[in-house]
Amino acid sequence: MFYLCFFAFAALFLAGDALAQNTPCSGKKGGIAACRGTKFLCNDGSLSASKKICGVDEEGRTQAMQPADKNGESCTCRAGLYCTGPRGGRFCLTDENAKYYF
């Protein structure tokens, strides 16, 4: 009986640990701040590499990333803006000024 309880507890503990690792923006990223298109914006300003799709609004639309204005507007991921590089690549800047390419 003891072994059965031990194995049941161990299975629940390991399953809970595995589920925690599959959460977008977990760990040092600090959790989910918002949606940017279908990507998760993390509290540290980066976009999650998760393959999960971020939520939609009441009308079934996602908050799309918008192109940054040419007048020097910052293309930060946190603001939901992206820039286009000289060869056509689209990216936004994280809080650490690292480029995140789409």
N, C-alpha and C. Protein backbone atom coordinates (compact mmCIF):
# COMPACT_ATOMS: atom_id res chain seq x y z
N MET A 1 0.83 -1.19 0.00
CA MET A 1 0.00 0.00 0.00
C MET A 1 0.87 1.26 0.00
N PHE A 2 1.95 1.23 0.78
CA PHE A 2 2.85 2.38 0.85
C PHE A 2 3.46 2.67 -0.52
N TYR A 3 3.89 1.60 -1.20
CA TYR A 3 4.53 1.79 -2.50
C TYR A 3 3.55 2.37 -3.53
N LEU A 4 2.30 1.93 -3.46
CA LEU A 4 1.30 2.45 -4.38
C LEU A 4 1.08 3.94 -4.16
N CYS A 5 0.99 4.36 -2.92
CA CYS A 5 0.83 5.79 -2.61
C CYS A 5 2.07 6.57 -3.04
N PHE A 6 3.25 6.01 -2.80
CA PHE A 6 4.49 6.68 -3.18
C PHE A 6 4.57 6.89 -4.68
N PHE A 7 4.25 5.86 -5.46
CA PHE A 7 4.31 5.98 -6.91
C PHE A 7 3.24 6.95 -7.44
N ALA A 8 2.08 6.95 -6.84
CA ALA A 8 1.02 7.88 -7.26
C ALA A 8 1.46 9.32 -6.99
N PHE A 9 2.05 9.56 -5.82
CA PHE A 9 2.53 10.91 -5.50
C PHE A 9 3.66 11.33 -6.43
N ALA A 10 4.58 10.42 -6.71
CA ALA A 10 5.71 10.72 -7.59
C ALA A 10 5.22 11.04 -9.00
N ALA A 11 4.23 10.32 -9.49
CA ALA A 11 3.69 10.57 -10.82
C ALA A 11 3.03 11.94 -10.89
N LEU A 12 2.27 12.32 -9.86
CA LEU A 12 1.65 13.64 -9.84
C LEU A 12 2.69 14.74 -9.76
N PHE A 13 3.71 14.54 -8.97
CA PHE A 13 4.77 15.53 -8.82
C PHE A 13 5.51 15.74 -10.14
N LEU A 14 5.87 14.67 -10.82
CA LEU A 14 6.59 14.78 -12.08
C LEU A 14 5.72 15.35 -13.18
N ALA A 15 4.46 15.03 -13.19
CA ALA A 15 3.55 15.57 -14.20
C ALA A 15 3.38 17.07 -14.01
N GLY A 16 3.27 17.52 -12.77
CA GLY A 16 3.16 18.94 -12.49
C GLY A 16 4.40 19.69 -12.91
N ASP A 17 5.57 19.11 -12.69
CA ASP A 17 6.83 19.73 -13.09
C ASP A 17 6.93 19.82 -14.61
N ALA A 18 6.49 18.80 -15.31
CA ALA A 18 6.54 18.82 -16.78
C ALA A 18 5.58 19.86 -17.34
N LEU A 19 4.42 20.03 -16.73
CA LEU A 19 3.46 21.03 -17.20
C LEU A 19 4.00 22.44 -17.01
N ALA A 20 4.72 22.68 -15.94
CA ALA A 20 5.26 24.01 -15.68
C ALA A 20 6.29 24.41 -16.73
N GLN A 21 6.99 23.47 -17.30
CA GLN A 21 8.00 23.79 -18.29
C GLN A 21 7.40 24.13 -19.65
N ASN A 22 6.14 23.86 -19.87
CA ASN A 22 5.50 24.10 -21.16
C ASN A 22 4.69 25.38 -21.19
N THR A 23 4.94 26.30 -20.26
CA THR A 23 4.22 27.55 -20.20
C THR A 23 5.00 28.64 -20.91
N PRO A 24 4.39 29.39 -21.84
CA PRO A 24 5.12 30.48 -22.48
C PRO A 24 5.56 31.51 -21.45
N CYS A 25 6.73 32.09 -21.65
CA CYS A 25 7.28 33.15 -20.80
C CYS A 25 7.53 32.70 -19.37
N SER A 26 7.83 31.44 -19.17
CA SER A 26 8.09 30.96 -17.82
C SER A 26 9.53 31.25 -17.42
N GLY A 27 9.81 31.06 -16.16
CA GLY A 27 11.17 31.22 -15.64
C GLY A 27 11.58 32.68 -15.58
N LYS A 28 12.76 32.98 -16.07
CA LYS A 28 13.33 34.33 -15.98
C LYS A 28 12.58 35.35 -16.82
N LYS A 29 11.75 34.90 -17.74
CA LYS A 29 10.99 35.84 -18.58
C LYS A 29 9.88 36.52 -17.80
N GLY A 30 9.49 35.98 -16.66
CA GLY A 30 8.58 36.67 -15.75
C GLY A 30 7.10 36.57 -16.03
N GLY A 31 6.68 35.73 -16.94
CA GLY A 31 5.26 35.57 -17.22
C GLY A 31 4.84 36.34 -18.46
N ILE A 32 3.57 36.21 -18.81
CA ILE A 32 3.03 36.80 -20.04
C ILE A 32 2.53 38.21 -19.75
N ALA A 33 2.95 39.17 -20.57
CA ALA A 33 2.49 40.55 -20.43
C ALA A 33 1.33 40.84 -21.38
N ALA A 34 1.41 40.36 -22.62
CA ALA A 34 0.38 40.66 -23.63
C ALA A 34 0.59 39.77 -24.85
N CYS A 35 -0.28 39.92 -25.83
CA CYS A 35 -0.12 39.24 -27.11
C CYS A 35 0.41 40.22 -28.14
N ARG A 36 1.27 39.74 -28.99
CA ARG A 36 1.76 40.52 -30.14
C ARG A 36 1.61 39.62 -31.35
N GLY A 37 0.55 39.83 -32.08
CA GLY A 37 0.19 38.91 -33.15
C GLY A 37 -0.22 37.60 -32.51
N THR A 38 0.37 36.52 -32.95
CA THR A 38 0.09 35.22 -32.34
C THR A 38 1.15 34.84 -31.32
N LYS A 39 2.13 35.72 -31.09
CA LYS A 39 3.22 35.47 -30.14
C LYS A 39 2.90 36.05 -28.78
N PHE A 40 3.53 35.51 -27.74
CA PHE A 40 3.39 36.00 -26.38
C PHE A 40 4.48 37.03 -26.09
N LEU A 41 4.12 38.21 -25.61
CA LEU A 41 5.08 39.19 -25.13
C LEU A 41 5.31 38.90 -23.66
N CYS A 42 6.56 38.67 -23.30
CA CYS A 42 6.91 38.34 -21.91
C CYS A 42 7.15 39.61 -21.11
N ASN A 43 7.10 39.50 -19.79
CA ASN A 43 7.30 40.64 -18.92
C ASN A 43 8.70 41.22 -19.03
N ASP A 44 9.67 40.48 -19.53
CA ASP A 44 11.03 41.01 -19.70
C ASP A 44 11.19 41.73 -21.03
N GLY A 45 10.13 41.85 -21.82
CA GLY A 45 10.17 42.59 -23.08
C GLY A 45 10.49 41.75 -24.30
N SER A 46 10.77 40.46 -24.13
CA SER A 46 11.07 39.60 -25.27
C SER A 46 9.80 38.90 -25.74
N LEU A 47 9.86 38.32 -26.92
CA LEU A 47 8.75 37.51 -27.42
C LEU A 47 9.07 36.05 -27.18
N SER A 48 8.08 35.29 -26.77
CA SER A 48 8.27 33.88 -26.48
C SER A 48 8.47 33.09 -27.77
N ALA A 49 9.31 32.08 -27.70
CA ALA A 49 9.53 31.19 -28.84
C ALA A 49 8.52 30.04 -28.84
N SER A 50 7.55 30.10 -27.98
CA SER A 50 6.55 29.05 -27.86
C SER A 50 5.79 28.86 -29.16
N LYS A 51 5.43 27.64 -29.46
CA LYS A 51 4.64 27.36 -30.65
C LYS A 51 3.14 27.51 -30.36
N LYS A 52 2.80 27.77 -29.09
CA LYS A 52 1.40 28.02 -28.74
C LYS A 52 0.97 29.35 -29.31
N ILE A 53 -0.31 29.49 -29.60
CA ILE A 53 -0.85 30.71 -30.17
C ILE A 53 -1.45 31.55 -29.06
N CYS A 54 -1.07 32.82 -29.04
CA CYS A 54 -1.58 33.73 -28.01
C CYS A 54 -3.07 33.97 -28.23
N GLY A 55 -3.75 34.34 -27.17
CA GLY A 55 -5.20 34.51 -27.18
C GLY A 55 -5.71 35.53 -28.18
N VAL A 56 -7.00 35.54 -28.35
CA VAL A 56 -7.67 36.44 -29.28
C VAL A 56 -8.62 37.33 -28.49
N ASP A 57 -9.03 38.44 -29.10
CA ASP A 57 -9.96 39.33 -28.43
C ASP A 57 -11.39 38.81 -28.53
N GLU A 58 -12.34 39.61 -28.07
CA GLU A 58 -13.75 39.17 -28.03
C GLU A 58 -14.31 38.90 -29.43
N GLU A 59 -13.74 39.54 -30.45
CA GLU A 59 -14.25 39.37 -31.81
C GLU A 59 -13.45 38.35 -32.61
N GLY A 60 -12.55 37.61 -31.95
CA GLY A 60 -11.80 36.56 -32.61
C GLY A 60 -10.56 37.02 -33.34
N ARG A 61 -10.10 38.25 -33.08
CA ARG A 61 -8.91 38.76 -33.75
C ARG A 61 -7.73 38.80 -32.78
N THR A 62 -6.54 38.63 -33.32
CA THR A 62 -5.33 38.81 -32.51
C THR A 62 -4.84 40.23 -32.68
N GLN A 63 -4.07 40.71 -31.71
CA GLN A 63 -3.48 42.04 -31.81
C GLN A 63 -2.26 41.95 -32.71
N ALA A 64 -2.36 42.45 -33.91
CA ALA A 64 -1.29 42.30 -34.89
C ALA A 64 -0.15 43.27 -34.61
N MET A 65 1.05 42.86 -34.97
CA MET A 65 2.20 43.75 -34.92
C MET A 65 2.03 44.77 -36.04
N GLN A 66 2.34 46.01 -35.76
CA GLN A 66 2.20 47.09 -36.72
C GLN A 66 3.58 47.59 -37.16
N PRO A 67 3.71 48.04 -38.41
CA PRO A 67 5.01 48.59 -38.81
C PRO A 67 5.27 49.90 -38.07
N ALA A 68 6.53 50.13 -37.71
CA ALA A 68 6.91 51.37 -37.04
C ALA A 68 6.86 52.51 -38.04
N ASP A 69 6.54 53.68 -37.55
CA ASP A 69 6.49 54.88 -38.38
C ASP A 69 7.91 55.24 -38.82
N LYS A 70 8.06 55.78 -39.99
CA LYS A 70 9.37 56.16 -40.52
C LYS A 70 9.96 57.37 -39.80
N ASN A 71 9.19 58.04 -38.98
CA ASN A 71 9.64 59.26 -38.31
C ASN A 71 10.43 58.97 -37.04
N GLY A 72 11.15 57.88 -37.00
CA GLY A 72 11.99 57.57 -35.84
C GLY A 72 11.26 56.87 -34.71
N GLU A 73 10.04 56.41 -34.96
CA GLU A 73 9.30 55.70 -33.92
C GLU A 73 10.01 54.38 -33.62
N SER A 74 10.15 54.06 -32.36
CA SER A 74 10.87 52.86 -31.95
C SER A 74 10.10 51.61 -32.34
N CYS A 75 10.80 50.59 -32.79
CA CYS A 75 10.15 49.34 -33.18
C CYS A 75 10.34 48.30 -32.08
N THR A 76 9.81 48.58 -30.91
CA THR A 76 9.95 47.67 -29.78
C THR A 76 8.86 46.62 -29.79
N CYS A 77 9.21 45.44 -29.33
CA CYS A 77 8.23 44.35 -29.21
C CYS A 77 7.15 44.75 -28.22
N ARG A 78 7.55 45.44 -27.15
CA ARG A 78 6.60 45.84 -26.10
C ARG A 78 5.53 46.78 -26.66
N ALA A 79 5.89 47.63 -27.60
CA ALA A 79 4.92 48.57 -28.19
C ALA A 79 4.11 47.92 -29.31
N GLY A 80 4.49 46.72 -29.74
CA GLY A 80 3.78 46.04 -30.81
C GLY A 80 4.15 46.55 -32.18
N LEU A 81 5.36 47.10 -32.30
CA LEU A 81 5.82 47.67 -33.57
C LEU A 81 7.00 46.88 -34.10
N TYR A 82 7.11 46.80 -35.43
CA TYR A 82 8.26 46.13 -36.03
C TYR A 82 8.90 47.03 -37.07
N CYS A 83 10.17 46.77 -37.33
CA CYS A 83 10.93 47.47 -38.38
C CYS A 83 11.26 46.48 -39.48
N THR A 84 11.54 47.00 -40.65
CA THR A 84 11.97 46.19 -41.78
C THR A 84 13.41 46.53 -42.09
N GLY A 85 14.27 45.52 -42.11
CA GLY A 85 15.68 45.72 -42.37
C GLY A 85 15.96 45.99 -43.84
N PRO A 86 17.22 46.27 -44.19
CA PRO A 86 17.58 46.61 -45.57
C PRO A 86 17.36 45.48 -46.56
N ARG A 87 17.35 44.23 -46.07
CA ARG A 87 17.11 43.09 -46.97
C ARG A 87 15.70 42.52 -46.82
N GLY A 88 14.81 43.28 -46.17
CA GLY A 88 13.41 42.88 -46.08
C GLY A 88 13.02 42.09 -44.85
N GLY A 89 13.96 41.80 -43.96
CA GLY A 89 13.63 41.07 -42.74
C GLY A 89 12.86 41.93 -41.76
N ARG A 90 11.86 41.36 -41.13
CA ARG A 90 11.05 42.09 -40.14
C ARG A 90 11.49 41.69 -38.75
N PHE A 91 11.67 42.68 -37.88
CA PHE A 91 12.13 42.42 -36.52
C PHE A 91 11.56 43.47 -35.57
N CYS A 92 11.57 43.15 -34.30
CA CYS A 92 11.28 44.12 -33.26
C CYS A 92 12.41 44.03 -32.24
N LEU A 93 12.53 45.05 -31.42
CA LEU A 93 13.60 45.12 -30.43
C LEU A 93 13.07 44.76 -29.05
N THR A 94 13.78 43.88 -28.35
CA THR A 94 13.42 43.53 -26.98
C THR A 94 13.88 44.65 -26.05
N ASP A 95 13.58 44.55 -24.77
CA ASP A 95 14.00 45.55 -23.80
C ASP A 95 15.52 45.68 -23.73
N GLU A 96 16.24 44.61 -24.08
CA GLU A 96 17.71 44.63 -24.07
C GLU A 96 18.28 45.06 -25.42
N ASN A 97 17.45 45.59 -26.31
CA ASN A 97 17.82 46.02 -27.67
C ASN A 97 18.32 44.87 -28.54
N ALA A 98 17.91 43.66 -28.26
CA ALA A 98 18.21 42.52 -29.13
C ALA A 98 17.11 42.43 -30.17
N LYS A 99 17.46 42.08 -31.40
CA LYS A 99 16.48 41.96 -32.47
C LYS A 99 15.80 40.60 -32.41
N TYR A 100 14.49 40.59 -32.53
CA TYR A 100 13.70 39.37 -32.62
C TYR A 100 13.09 39.35 -34.02
N TYR A 101 13.52 38.40 -34.86
CA TYR A 101 13.06 38.32 -36.24
C TYR A 101 11.81 37.45 -36.35
N PHE A 102 10.93 37.82 -37.28
CA PHE A 102 9.70 37.06 -37.55
C PHE A 102 9.93 36.12 -38.70
